[in-house]
C-alpha cells in the first residue's frame, strides 16, 4: 500500500477511564496531569489530559490495517 498526499483514513474511538487506567499501568506514567483532575484543572485544563500514546496507538492501527 502506498500512502499519497490527499489520502484519507479514519477511525472513531473514545478515550475513557478504562483506557486511561490501562495506559497508565502499562506505561507506568503516573503524571498528575493525566491522573489527577483537580491538579489538571489547577493548571488551566478542563480535566485530565488524555495520554498521547493512546491516540498514537490508533494512528498505528490506521497505518497498519487500512
Protein backbone atom coordinates (compact mmCIF):
# COMPACT_ATOMS: atom_id res chain seq x y z
CA UNK A 1 0.00 0.00 0.00
CA UNK A 2 1.24 3.46 -0.87
CA UNK A 3 0.11 6.49 1.10
CA UNK A 4 -0.18 9.60 -1.03
CA UNK A 5 -0.84 13.28 -0.31
CA UNK A 6 -4.59 13.73 -0.09
CA UNK A 7 -5.35 10.16 1.06
CA UNK A 8 -7.77 9.88 3.96
CA UNK A 9 -8.48 7.34 6.64
CA UNK A 10 -10.48 7.48 9.83
CA UNK A 11 -11.09 5.50 12.99
CA UNK A 12 -13.52 6.50 15.73
CA UNK A 13 -12.58 5.87 19.34
CA UNK A 14 -13.29 7.20 22.80
CA UNK A 15 -10.59 7.71 25.41
CA UNK A 16 -12.45 6.56 28.51
CA UNK A 17 -11.39 5.92 32.09
CA UNK A 18 -10.64 2.26 31.37
CA UNK A 19 -8.25 3.18 28.52
CA UNK A 20 -6.60 5.81 30.71
CA UNK A 21 -6.09 3.35 33.60
CA UNK A 22 -4.76 0.65 31.25
CA UNK A 23 -2.29 3.03 29.61
CA UNK A 24 -1.16 4.35 33.00
CA UNK A 25 -0.40 0.79 34.13
CA UNK A 26 1.47 -0.33 31.02
CA UNK A 27 3.41 2.92 30.58
CA UNK A 28 3.99 3.47 34.31
CA UNK A 29 3.27 7.16 33.61
CA UNK A 30 1.55 8.47 36.70
CA UNK A 31 1.99 12.13 35.86
CA UNK A 32 -0.62 14.10 37.77
CA UNK A 33 -1.72 15.95 34.62
CA UNK A 34 -3.10 12.60 33.36
CA UNK A 35 -4.36 11.18 36.66
CA UNK A 36 -5.49 13.98 38.98
CA UNK A 37 -8.45 16.03 37.78
CA UNK A 38 -8.09 18.69 40.44
CA UNK A 39 -4.40 19.14 39.60
CA UNK A 40 -5.14 19.37 35.86
CA UNK A 41 -7.85 21.97 36.49
CA UNK A 42 -5.45 23.98 38.65
CA UNK A 43 -3.19 24.15 35.57
CA UNK A 44 -5.97 25.60 33.41
CA UNK A 45 -7.33 22.45 31.77
CA UNK A 46 -10.97 21.28 31.86
CA UNK A 47 -9.85 17.95 33.32
CA UNK A 48 -7.11 15.38 32.96
CA UNK A 49 -5.24 15.27 29.66
CA UNK A 50 -5.51 12.06 27.65
CA UNK A 51 -2.30 10.16 27.11
CA UNK A 52 -0.93 10.89 23.64
CA UNK A 53 0.16 7.25 23.45
CA UNK A 54 -3.47 6.11 23.30
CA UNK A 55 -4.06 8.26 20.24
CA UNK A 56 -0.77 7.14 18.73
CA UNK A 57 -1.90 3.51 19.07
CA UNK A 58 -4.99 4.29 16.99
CA UNK A 59 -2.84 6.04 14.38
CA UNK A 60 -0.63 2.95 14.27
CA UNK A 61 -3.72 0.84 13.65
CA UNK A 62 -4.74 3.06 10.74
CA UNK A 63 -1.32 2.90 9.15
CA UNK A 64 -1.00 -0.83 9.64
CA UNK A 65 -4.51 -2.01 8.81
CA UNK A 66 -6.00 0.44 6.32
